[in-house]
Amino acid sequence: MIFPKPDIKYTEMAMYIDEKINSDNKLSEQELELIYVYLYHLIRMLAYKKHYFNKTEYYDDFSLLVAGDMMNRLIYNPKLNEVDEFGNPKMKRLKSILNYLKAILYGRKVLFEQQNYSQKISKQPIEPKITDYAFAQQIRQTKRDQINSNVKLYLGDLSKTITSFINNNCVYSDPIIRKNIRISCYLSLLNSIIFTKQVVDNVNTKYKTSDSKFNYLCLEYTNNRENCVILYHLDDSFKNYITILTRRVFTVIEKDIKELSMGDNYVSDNVLADIAFSELDGKIKDDN
């Protein structure tokens, strides 16, 4: 072990990092060094628990490398201090370093093995040879894991994005109307991504091939989006206004996710279904 383990719990290390990376105060050299050391220990602990490697030095090399990458993601990335046209950060700060490491660490392990040793070095039985196709698949999966993590972080703060957009674009000044408009947008977005039981049953019973299922779901998703507006304590005269706002919010979200995806068209369906539902549903309950 390169850095002796401090006499504190791993959860305390993670809490220290979470606190420092979300602070508005400039970090001192001592704080930056301590964050790096704590990252090293957290990464090493998580990798060791999963039995990633069969030699101690591999754990040290891996932990040092990933800790350096994390410093760039957490602190030195210029996008952390840049904002978009609505005043929102282009890159969200992490809320939980421990959850983030758990989400991305296996993908980093795969890249580490291939880039540094050109072979698998885990305690599991070693495959005789990895094919170019399998390696390409692993690289794609690693990239997708990273994209999904970034998108989850973004969608975890989706309510803030919507609120900020409405605050900057809503033409009504009455606080009650603004609140009802905001909740109407939440409900409309939620309604646009949830399929009815009839649609789910149709997919399972009427369509046999993957292409036919995909085409049917695309059509239903388009219908959902075109007819998703739900008005919360607003009369019908607001329908067109909520429609326009909701479509503009969609545009902002799609643009942000495309940037997070680094040009990759892949975004996990479960990300939007699980996180957007829980985030929007929880936010709506909070607002009531």
C-alpha atoms as a PDB file:
ATOM      1  CA  MET A   1       0.000   0.000   0.000  1.00  0.00           C
ATOM      2  CA  ILE A   2       1.571   3.266  -1.159  1.00  0.00           C
ATOM      3  CA  PHE A   3      -0.305   5.579   1.229  1.00  0.00           C
ATOM      4  CA  PRO A   4      -0.784   4.332   4.810  1.00  0.00           C
ATOM      5  CA  LYS A   5      -4.474   4.181   5.652  1.00  0.00           C
ATOM      6  CA  PRO A   6      -5.535   7.049   7.952  1.00  0.00           C
ATOM      7  CA  ASP A   7      -7.266   6.104  11.174  1.00  0.00           C
ATOM      8  CA  ILE A   8     -10.755   6.950   9.899  1.00  0.00           C
ATOM      9  CA  LYS A   9     -13.573   4.984   8.287  1.00  0.00           C
ATOM     10  CA  TYR A  10     -14.003   4.779   4.526  1.00  0.00           C
ATOM     11  CA  THR A  11     -17.417   6.422   4.839  1.00  0.00           C
ATOM     12  CA  GLU A  12     -15.748   9.370   6.586  1.00  0.00           C
ATOM     13  CA  MET A  13     -13.270   9.672   3.713  1.00  0.00           C
ATOM     14  CA  ALA A  14     -16.163   9.739   1.246  1.00  0.00           C
ATOM     15  CA  MET A  15     -18.035  12.344   3.300  1.00  0.00           C
ATOM     16  CA  TYR A  16     -14.927  14.544   3.439  1.00  0.00           C
ATOM     17  CA  ILE A  17     -14.562  14.395  -0.363  1.00  0.00           C
ATOM     18  CA  ASP A  18     -18.270  15.116  -0.903  1.00  0.00           C
ATOM     19  CA  GLU A  19     -18.058  18.136   1.372  1.00  0.00           C
ATOM     20  CA  LYS A  20     -14.911  19.583  -0.188  1.00  0.00           C
ATOM     21  CA  ILE A  21     -15.842  19.146  -3.861  1.00  0.00           C
ATOM     22  CA  ASN A  22     -19.196  20.845  -3.279  1.00  0.00           C
ATOM     23  CA  SER A  23     -17.740  23.755  -1.310  1.00  0.00           C
ATOM     24  CA  ASP A  24     -17.528  27.211  -2.853  1.00  0.00           C
ATOM     25  CA  ASN A  25     -14.225  27.839  -1.067  1.00  0.00           C
ATOM     26  CA  LYS A  26     -10.957  27.405  -2.927  1.00  0.00           C
ATOM     27  CA  LEU A  27      -9.244  24.198  -1.881  1.00  0.00           C
ATOM     28  CA  SER A  28      -5.788  24.414  -0.351  1.00  0.00           C
ATOM     29  CA  GLU A  29      -2.864  22.248  -1.475  1.00  0.00           C
ATOM     30  CA  GLN A  30      -3.224  20.200   1.717  1.00  0.00           C
ATOM     31  CA  GLU A  31      -6.931  19.596   1.031  1.00  0.00           C
ATOM     32  CA  LEU A  32      -6.252  18.586  -2.574  1.00  0.00           C
ATOM     33  CA  GLU A  33      -3.566  16.164  -1.459  1.00  0.00           C
ATOM     34  CA  LEU A  34      -5.860  14.658   1.161  1.00  0.00           C
ATOM     35  CA  ILE A  35      -8.683  14.239  -1.380  1.00  0.00           C
ATOM     36  CA  TYR A  36      -6.275  12.357  -3.667  1.00  0.00           C
ATOM     37  CA  VAL A  37      -5.136  10.083  -0.827  1.00  0.00           C
ATOM     38  CA  TYR A  38      -8.725   9.386   0.215  1.00  0.00           C
ATOM     39  CA  LEU A  39      -9.686   8.611  -3.378  1.00  0.00           C
ATOM     40  CA  TYR A  40      -6.780   6.174  -3.584  1.00  0.00           C
ATOM     41  CA  HIS A  41      -7.974   4.341  -0.462  1.00  0.00           C
ATOM     42  CA  LEU A  42     -11.632   4.254  -1.531  1.00  0.00           C
ATOM     43  CA  ILE A  43     -10.768   2.914  -4.989  1.00  0.00           C
ATOM     44  CA  ARG A  44      -8.359   0.342  -3.559  1.00  0.00           C
ATOM     45  CA  MET A  45     -10.913  -0.826  -1.005  1.00  0.00           C
ATOM     46  CA  LEU A  46     -13.705  -1.208  -3.606  1.00  0.00           C
ATOM     47  CA  ALA A  47     -11.420  -3.029  -6.054  1.00  0.00           C
ATOM     48  CA  TYR A  48     -10.097  -5.335  -3.330  1.00  0.00           C
ATOM     49  CA  LYS A  49     -13.607  -6.236  -2.154  1.00  0.00           C
ATOM     50  CA  LYS A  50     -14.439  -7.323  -5.713  1.00  0.00           C
ATOM     51  CA  HIS A  51     -11.167  -9.310  -6.060  1.00  0.00           C
ATOM     52  CA  TYR A  52     -10.253  -7.455  -9.234  1.00  0.00           C
ATOM     53  CA  PHE A  53      -6.563  -8.479  -9.338  1.00  0.00           C
ATOM     54  CA  ASN A  54      -4.238 -11.222  -8.144  1.00  0.00           C
ATOM     55  CA  LYS A  55      -1.210  -9.075  -7.252  1.00  0.00           C
ATOM     56  CA  THR A  56      -0.933  -6.273  -4.708  1.00  0.00           C
ATOM     57  CA  GLU A  57       0.932  -3.944  -7.040  1.00  0.00           C
ATOM     58  CA  TYR A  58      -1.959  -4.065  -9.484  1.00  0.00           C
ATOM     59  CA  TYR A  59      -4.255  -2.617  -6.826  1.00  0.00           C
ATOM     60  CA  ASP A  60      -1.806   0.201  -6.160  1.00  0.00           C
ATOM     61  CA  ASP A  61      -1.279   1.033  -9.853  1.00  0.00           C
ATOM     62  CA  PHE A  62      -4.992   0.902 -10.550  1.00  0.00           C
ATOM     63  CA  SER A  63      -5.907   3.051  -7.537  1.00  0.00           C
ATOM     64  CA  LEU A  64      -3.323   5.713  -8.360  1.00  0.00           C
ATOM     65  CA  LEU A  65      -4.434   5.913 -11.983  1.00  0.00           C
ATOM     66  CA  VAL A  66      -8.164   6.138 -11.267  1.00  0.00           C
ATOM     67  CA  ALA A  67      -7.609   8.583  -8.394  1.00  0.00           C
ATOM     68  CA  GLY A  68      -5.836  10.891 -10.851  1.00  0.00           C
ATOM     69  CA  ASP A  69      -8.727  10.604 -13.294  1.00  0.00           C
ATOM     70  CA  MET A  70     -11.182  11.367 -10.506  1.00  0.00           C
ATOM     71  CA  MET A  71      -9.262  14.503  -9.514  1.00  0.00           C
ATOM     72  CA  ASN A  72      -9.733  15.751 -13.082  1.00  0.00           C
ATOM     73  CA  ARG A  73     -13.456  14.921 -12.996  1.00  0.00           C
ATOM     74  CA  LEU A  74     -14.116  16.322  -9.524  1.00  0.00           C
ATOM     75  CA  ILE A  75     -11.934  19.413  -9.389  1.00  0.00           C
ATOM     76  CA  TYR A  76      -9.959  20.345 -12.475  1.00  0.00           C
ATOM     77  CA  ASN A  77     -12.533  19.942 -15.258  1.00  0.00           C
ATOM     78  CA  PRO A  78     -13.261  23.462 -16.619  1.00  0.00           C
ATOM     79  CA  LYS A  79     -16.899  22.560 -17.339  1.00  0.00           C
ATOM     80  CA  LEU A  80     -17.534  22.535 -13.583  1.00  0.00           C
ATOM     81  CA  ASN A  81     -17.260  26.322 -13.629  1.00  0.00           C
ATOM     82  CA  GLU A  82     -19.022  26.920 -16.946  1.00  0.00           C
ATOM     83  CA  VAL A  83     -22.743  27.583 -17.276  1.00  0.00           C
ATOM     84  CA  ASP A  84     -25.177  27.175 -20.131  1.00  0.00           C
ATOM     85  CA  GLU A  85     -27.537  29.799 -21.548  1.00  0.00           C
ATOM     86  CA  PHE A  86     -29.899  29.324 -18.605  1.00  0.00           C
ATOM     87  CA  GLY A  87     -27.246  29.733 -15.942  1.00  0.00           C
ATOM     88  CA  ASN A  88     -26.989  26.011 -15.105  1.00  0.00           C
ATOM     89  CA  PRO A  89     -23.570  24.322 -14.718  1.00  0.00           C
ATOM     90  CA  LYS A  90     -22.491  22.426 -17.835  1.00  0.00           C
ATOM     91  CA  MET A  91     -21.218  19.622 -15.599  1.00  0.00           C
ATOM     92  CA  LYS A  92     -22.946  18.695 -12.368  1.00  0.00           C
ATOM     93  CA  ARG A  93     -20.904  18.263  -9.221  1.00  0.00           C
ATOM     94  CA  LEU A  94     -21.122  14.815  -7.683  1.00  0.00           C
ATOM     95  CA  LYS A  95     -23.335  14.323  -4.671  1.00  0.00           C
ATOM     96  CA  SER A  96     -21.799  10.999  -3.624  1.00  0.00           C
ATOM     97  CA  ILE A  97     -18.290   9.999  -4.627  1.00  0.00           C
ATOM     98  CA  LEU A  98     -18.849   6.510  -3.220  1.00  0.00           C
ATOM     99  CA  ASN A  99     -21.890   5.839  -5.417  1.00  0.00           C
ATOM    100  CA  TYR A 100     -20.097   7.261  -8.454  1.00  0.00           C
ATOM    101  CA  LEU A 101     -17.032   5.047  -7.928  1.00  0.00           C
ATOM    102  CA  LYS A 102     -19.215   1.960  -7.536  1.00  0.00           C
ATOM    103  CA  ALA A 103     -20.938   2.786 -10.837  1.00  0.00           C
ATOM    104  CA  ILE A 104     -17.826   3.317 -12.964  1.00  0.00           C
ATOM    105  CA  LEU A 105     -15.078   1.230 -11.340  1.00  0.00           C
ATOM    106  CA  TYR A 106     -15.542  -2.034 -13.224  1.00  0.00           C
ATOM    107  CA  GLY A 107     -15.367  -0.251 -16.563  1.00  0.00           C
ATOM    108  CA  ARG A 108     -12.129   1.414 -15.456  1.00  0.00           C
ATOM    109  CA  LYS A 109     -10.780  -2.010 -14.448  1.00  0.00           C
ATOM    110  CA  VAL A 110     -11.361  -3.355 -17.959  1.00  0.00           C
ATOM    111  CA  LEU A 111      -9.571  -0.417 -19.570  1.00  0.00           C
ATOM    112  CA  PHE A 112      -6.741  -0.617 -17.039  1.00  0.00           C
ATOM    113  CA  GLU A 113      -6.118  -4.292 -17.768  1.00  0.00           C
ATOM    114  CA  GLN A 114      -6.142  -3.882 -21.530  1.00  0.00           C
ATOM    115  CA  GLN A 115      -4.163  -0.655 -21.722  1.00  0.00           C
ATOM    116  CA  ASN A 116      -1.489  -1.500 -19.179  1.00  0.00           C
ATOM    117  CA  TYR A 117      -1.115  -5.259 -19.265  1.00  0.00           C
ATOM    118  CA  SER A 118      -2.838  -6.390 -22.471  1.00  0.00           C
ATOM    119  CA  GLN A 119      -4.372  -9.266 -20.560  1.00  0.00           C
ATOM    120  CA  LYS A 120      -6.864 -10.054 -17.833  1.00  0.00           C
ATOM    121  CA  ILE A 121      -5.251 -10.040 -14.407  1.00  0.00           C
ATOM    122  CA  SER A 122      -8.199 -10.731 -12.119  1.00  0.00           C
ATOM    123  CA  LYS A 123      -8.460 -13.686  -9.759  1.00  0.00           C
ATOM    124  CA  GLN A 124     -11.054 -15.243 -12.039  1.00  0.00           C
ATOM    125  CA  PRO A 125      -9.923 -17.909 -14.547  1.00  0.00           C
ATOM    126  CA  ILE A 126      -7.976 -16.251 -17.358  1.00  0.00           C
ATOM    127  CA  GLU A 127      -9.460 -16.483 -20.819  1.00  0.00           C
ATOM    128  CA  PRO A 128      -7.009 -17.924 -23.362  1.00  0.00           C
ATOM    129  CA  LYS A 129      -7.329 -14.934 -25.661  1.00  0.00           C
ATOM    130  CA  ILE A 130      -9.659 -11.978 -25.995  1.00  0.00           C
ATOM    131  CA  THR A 131     -10.861 -11.357 -29.522  1.00  0.00           C
ATOM    132  CA  ASP A 132     -10.862  -7.951 -31.174  1.00  0.00           C
ATOM    133  CA  TYR A 133     -14.662  -8.084 -31.223  1.00  0.00           C
ATOM    134  CA  ALA A 134     -14.904  -8.869 -27.500  1.00  0.00           C
ATOM    135  CA  PHE A 135     -12.430  -6.118 -26.690  1.00  0.00           C
ATOM    136  CA  ALA A 136     -14.419  -3.631 -28.787  1.00  0.00           C
ATOM    137  CA  GLN A 137     -17.564  -4.692 -26.928  1.00  0.00           C
ATOM    138  CA  GLN A 138     -15.847  -4.131 -23.581  1.00  0.00           C
ATOM    139  CA  ILE A 139     -14.714  -0.669 -24.629  1.00  0.00           C
ATOM    140  CA  ARG A 140     -18.246   0.210 -25.754  1.00  0.00           C
ATOM    141  CA  GLN A 141     -19.697  -1.070 -22.478  1.00  0.00           C
ATOM    142  CA  THR A 142     -17.171   0.925 -20.460  1.00  0.00           C
ATOM    143  CA  LYS A 143     -18.076   4.079 -22.334  1.00  0.00           C
ATOM    144  CA  ARG A 144     -21.766   3.371 -21.872  1.00  0.00           C
ATOM    145  CA  ASP A 145     -21.284   2.828 -18.125  1.00  0.00           C
ATOM    146  CA  GLN A 146     -19.573   6.196 -17.865  1.00  0.00           C
ATOM    147  CA  ILE A 147     -22.253   7.903 -19.960  1.00  0.00           C
ATOM    148  CA  ASN A 148     -25.017   6.348 -17.866  1.00  0.00           C
ATOM    149  CA  SER A 149     -23.346   7.561 -14.671  1.00  0.00           C
ATOM    150  CA  ASN A 150     -23.105  11.102 -16.025  1.00  0.00           C
ATOM    151  CA  VAL A 151     -26.688  11.042 -17.261  1.00  0.00           C
ATOM    152  CA  LYS A 152     -27.939   9.712 -13.923  1.00  0.00           C
ATOM    153  CA  LEU A 153     -26.212  12.567 -12.128  1.00  0.00           C
ATOM    154  CA  TYR A 154     -27.780  15.056 -14.540  1.00  0.00           C
ATOM    155  CA  LEU A 155     -31.266  13.563 -14.271  1.00  0.00           C
ATOM    156  CA  GLY A 156     -30.914  13.403 -10.501  1.00  0.00           C
ATOM    157  CA  ASP A 157     -31.005  17.213 -10.574  1.00  0.00           C
ATOM    158  CA  LEU A 158     -33.587  17.411 -13.345  1.00  0.00           C
ATOM    159  CA  SER A 159     -36.068  19.301 -11.199  1.00  0.00           C
ATOM    160  CA  LYS A 160     -33.489  22.076 -10.747  1.00  0.00           C
ATOM    161  CA  THR A 161     -33.014  22.310 -14.514  1.00  0.00           C
ATOM    162  CA  ILE A 162     -36.761  22.589 -15.068  1.00  0.00           C
ATOM    163  CA  THR A 163     -37.219  25.105 -12.255  1.00  0.00           C
ATOM    164  CA  SER A 164     -34.364  27.248 -13.517  1.00  0.00           C
ATOM    165  CA  PHE A 165     -35.725  27.185 -17.056  1.00  0.00           C
ATOM    166  CA  ILE A 166     -39.237  28.174 -15.955  1.00  0.00           C
ATOM    167  CA  ASN A 167     -37.963  30.890 -13.623  1.00  0.00           C
ATOM    168  CA  ASN A 168     -36.062  32.428 -16.529  1.00  0.00           C
ATOM    169  CA  ASN A 169     -38.791  32.049 -19.145  1.00  0.00           C
ATOM    170  CA  CYS A 170     -42.161  32.213 -17.409  1.00  0.00           C
ATOM    171  CA  VAL A 171     -44.076  35.391 -18.320  1.00  0.00           C
ATOM    172  CA  TYR A 172     -46.367  35.210 -15.280  1.00  0.00           C
ATOM    173  CA  SER A 173     -45.354  36.934 -12.066  1.00  0.00           C
ATOM    174  CA  ASP A 174     -48.015  35.554  -9.722  1.00  0.00           C
ATOM    175  CA  PRO A 175     -46.221  32.995  -7.456  1.00  0.00           C
ATOM    176  CA  ILE A 176     -49.172  30.589  -7.324  1.00  0.00           C
ATOM    177  CA  ILE A 177     -49.546  30.534 -11.110  1.00  0.00           C
ATOM    178  CA  ARG A 178     -45.785  30.064 -11.524  1.00  0.00           C
ATOM    179  CA  LYS A 179     -45.875  27.140  -9.111  1.00  0.00           C
ATOM    180  CA  ASN A 180     -48.813  25.553 -10.958  1.00  0.00           C
ATOM    181  CA  ILE A 181     -47.035  26.052 -14.281  1.00  0.00           C
ATOM    182  CA  ARG A 182     -43.902  24.399 -12.892  1.00  0.00           C
ATOM    183  CA  ILE A 183     -45.837  21.401 -11.562  1.00  0.00           C
ATOM    184  CA  SER A 184     -47.757  21.148 -14.851  1.00  0.00           C
ATOM    185  CA  CYS A 185     -44.423  20.878 -16.672  1.00  0.00           C
ATOM    186  CA  TYR A 186     -43.234  18.181 -14.230  1.00  0.00           C
ATOM    187  CA  LEU A 187     -46.414  16.183 -14.735  1.00  0.00           C
ATOM    188  CA  SER A 188     -46.326  16.609 -18.516  1.00  0.00           C
ATOM    189  CA  LEU A 189     -42.721  15.438 -18.747  1.00  0.00           C
ATOM    190  CA  LEU A 190     -43.511  12.455 -16.558  1.00  0.00           C
ATOM    191  CA  ASN A 191     -46.586  11.634 -18.638  1.00  0.00           C
ATOM    192  CA  SER A 192     -44.506  11.703 -21.822  1.00  0.00           C
ATOM    193  CA  ILE A 193     -42.148   8.910 -20.752  1.00  0.00           C
ATOM    194  CA  ILE A 194     -44.623   6.462 -19.203  1.00  0.00           C
ATOM    195  CA  PHE A 195     -46.436   3.929 -21.376  1.00  0.00           C
ATOM    196  CA  THR A 196     -49.939   2.736 -20.537  1.00  0.00           C
ATOM    197  CA  LYS A 197     -50.586  -0.879 -19.555  1.00  0.00           C
ATOM    198  CA  GLN A 198     -52.313  -1.351 -22.917  1.00  0.00           C
ATOM    199  CA  VAL A 199     -49.153  -0.331 -24.782  1.00  0.00           C
ATOM    200  CA  VAL A 200     -47.037  -2.721 -22.700  1.00  0.00           C
ATOM    201  CA  ASP A 201     -49.511  -5.549 -23.321  1.00  0.00           C
ATOM    202  CA  ASN A 202     -49.480  -4.818 -27.057  1.00  0.00           C
ATOM    203  CA  VAL A 203     -45.698  -5.029 -27.165  1.00  0.00           C
ATOM    204  CA  ASN A 204     -45.759  -8.420 -25.465  1.00  0.00           C
ATOM    205  CA  THR A 205     -48.656  -9.934 -27.416  1.00  0.00           C
ATOM    206  CA  LYS A 206     -49.102  -8.303 -30.823  1.00  0.00           C
ATOM    207  CA  TYR A 207     -45.493  -7.816 -31.932  1.00  0.00           C
ATOM    208  CA  LYS A 208     -43.075 -10.697 -32.269  1.00  0.00           C
ATOM    209  CA  THR A 209     -39.867  -9.275 -33.750  1.00  0.00           C
ATOM    210  CA  SER A 210     -37.556  -6.735 -32.131  1.00  0.00           C
ATOM    211  CA  ASP A 211     -37.902  -4.371 -35.093  1.00  0.00           C
ATOM    212  CA  SER A 212     -41.709  -4.370 -34.956  1.00  0.00           C
ATOM    213  CA  LYS A 213     -41.655  -3.811 -31.176  1.00  0.00           C
ATOM    214  CA  PHE A 214     -39.147  -0.990 -31.531  1.00  0.00           C
ATOM    215  CA  ASN A 215     -41.142   0.733 -34.289  1.00  0.00           C
ATOM    216  CA  TYR A 216     -44.350   0.421 -32.287  1.00  0.00           C
ATOM    217  CA  LEU A 217     -42.753   1.882 -29.155  1.00  0.00           C
ATOM    218  CA  CYS A 218     -41.253   4.761 -31.156  1.00  0.00           C
ATOM    219  CA  LEU A 219     -44.692   5.573 -32.527  1.00  0.00           C
ATOM    220  CA  GLU A 220     -46.270   5.419 -29.055  1.00  0.00           C
ATOM    221  CA  TYR A 221     -43.496   7.554 -27.593  1.00  0.00           C
ATOM    222  CA  THR A 222     -44.131  10.182 -30.274  1.00  0.00           C
ATOM    223  CA  ASN A 223     -47.852  10.091 -29.467  1.00  0.00           C
ATOM    224  CA  ASN A 224     -47.077  10.424 -25.766  1.00  0.00           C
ATOM    225  CA  ARG A 225     -44.912  13.439 -26.379  1.00  0.00           C
ATOM    226  CA  GLU A 226     -47.487  15.107 -28.600  1.00  0.00           C
ATOM    227  CA  ASN A 227     -50.289  14.570 -26.103  1.00  0.00           C
ATOM    228  CA  CYS A 228     -48.507  14.665 -22.774  1.00  0.00           C
ATOM    229  CA  VAL A 229     -49.771  17.957 -21.325  1.00  0.00           C
ATOM    230  CA  ILE A 230     -51.376  17.777 -17.885  1.00  0.00           C
ATOM    231  CA  LEU A 231     -52.673  20.973 -16.320  1.00  0.00           C
ATOM    232  CA  TYR A 232     -52.297  21.340 -12.570  1.00  0.00           C
ATOM    233  CA  HIS A 233     -54.878  23.804 -11.183  1.00  0.00           C
ATOM    234  CA  LEU A 234     -54.789  25.737 -14.466  1.00  0.00           C
ATOM    235  CA  ASP A 235     -57.642  26.232 -16.900  1.00  0.00           C
ATOM    236  CA  ASP A 236     -57.564  25.086 -20.519  1.00  0.00           C
ATOM    237  CA  SER A 237     -56.353  28.475 -21.723  1.00  0.00           C
ATOM    238  CA  PHE A 238     -52.883  27.491 -20.427  1.00  0.00           C
ATOM    239  CA  LYS A 239     -52.661  24.311 -22.508  1.00  0.00           C
ATOM    240  CA  ASN A 240     -50.784  25.815 -25.465  1.00  0.00           C
ATOM    241  CA  TYR A 241     -48.443  27.686 -23.142  1.00  0.00           C
ATOM    242  CA  ILE A 242     -47.587  24.523 -21.159  1.00  0.00           C
ATOM    243  CA  THR A 243     -47.131  22.644 -24.439  1.00  0.00           C
ATOM    244  CA  ILE A 244     -44.574  25.197 -25.650  1.00  0.00           C
ATOM    245  CA  LEU A 245     -42.742  25.266 -22.313  1.00  0.00           C
ATOM    246  CA  THR A 246     -42.613  21.471 -22.108  1.00  0.00           C
ATOM    247  CA  ARG A 247     -41.227  21.158 -25.649  1.00  0.00           C
ATOM    248  CA  ARG A 248     -38.591  23.776 -24.919  1.00  0.00           C
ATOM    249  CA  VAL A 249     -37.586  21.938 -21.734  1.00  0.00           C
ATOM    250  CA  PHE A 250     -37.330  18.736 -23.793  1.00  0.00           C
ATOM    251  CA  THR A 251     -34.957  20.542 -26.150  1.00  0.00           C
ATOM    252  CA  VAL A 252     -32.750  21.671 -23.256  1.00  0.00           C
ATOM    253  CA  ILE A 253     -32.654  18.165 -21.744  1.00  0.00           C
ATOM    254  CA  GLU A 254     -31.879  16.499 -25.077  1.00  0.00           C
ATOM    255  CA  LYS A 255     -29.076  18.983 -25.759  1.00  0.00           C
ATOM    256  CA  ASP A 256     -27.555  18.449 -22.317  1.00  0.00           C
ATOM    257  CA  ILE A 257     -27.753  14.652 -22.532  1.00  0.00           C
ATOM    258  CA  LYS A 258     -26.205  14.691 -25.999  1.00  0.00           C
ATOM    259  CA  GLU A 259     -23.261  16.666 -24.607  1.00  0.00           C
ATOM    260  CA  LEU A 260     -22.943  14.277 -21.652  1.00  0.00           C
ATOM    261  CA  SER A 261     -23.044  11.355 -24.070  1.00  0.00           C
ATOM    262  CA  MET A 262     -19.985  12.751 -25.860  1.00  0.00           C
ATOM    263  CA  GLY A 263     -21.602  12.241 -29.245  1.00  0.00           C
ATOM    264  CA  ASP A 264     -22.704   8.678 -28.475  1.00  0.00           C
ATOM    265  CA  ASN A 265     -26.332   8.026 -29.364  1.00  0.00           C
ATOM    266  CA  TYR A 266     -26.721   5.384 -26.663  1.00  0.00           C
ATOM    267  CA  VAL A 267     -28.566   6.255 -23.467  1.00  0.00           C
ATOM    268  CA  SER A 268     -30.001   3.486 -21.298  1.00  0.00           C
ATOM    269  CA  ASP A 269     -33.818   3.377 -21.317  1.00  0.00           C
ATOM    270  CA  ASN A 270     -33.791   2.427 -17.630  1.00  0.00           C
ATOM    271  CA  VAL A 271     -31.957   5.633 -16.749  1.00  0.00           C
ATOM    272  CA  LEU A 272     -34.786   7.848 -17.953  1.00  0.00           C
ATOM    273  CA  ALA A 273     -37.550   5.583 -16.718  1.00  0.00           C
ATOM    274  CA  ASP A 274     -36.184   5.011 -13.207  1.00  0.00           C
ATOM    275  CA  ILE A 275     -34.474   8.271 -12.335  1.00  0.00           C
ATOM    276  CA  ALA A 276     -36.736  10.739 -14.081  1.00  0.00           C
ATOM    277  CA  PHE A 277     -39.795   9.057 -12.569  1.00  0.00           C
ATOM    278  CA  SER A 278     -38.461   9.038  -9.002  1.00  0.00           C
ATOM    279  CA  GLU A 279     -37.030  12.551  -9.260  1.00  0.00           C
ATOM    280  CA  LEU A 280     -40.092  14.157 -10.791  1.00  0.00           C
ATOM    281  CA  ASP A 281     -42.522  12.204  -8.654  1.00  0.00           C
ATOM    282  CA  GLY A 282     -40.661  13.143  -5.476  1.00  0.00           C
ATOM    283  CA  LYS A 283     -40.411  16.767  -6.502  1.00  0.00           C
ATOM    284  CA  ILE A 284     -44.128  16.995  -7.263  1.00  0.00           C
ATOM    285  CA  LYS A 285     -44.935  15.599  -3.826  1.00  0.00           C
ATOM    286  CA  ASP A 286     -42.552  18.080  -2.216  1.00  0.00           C
ATOM    287  CA  ASP A 287     -44.235  20.972  -3.983  1.00  0.00           C
ATOM    288  CA  ASN A 288     -47.719  20.003  -2.821  1.00  0.00           C
END
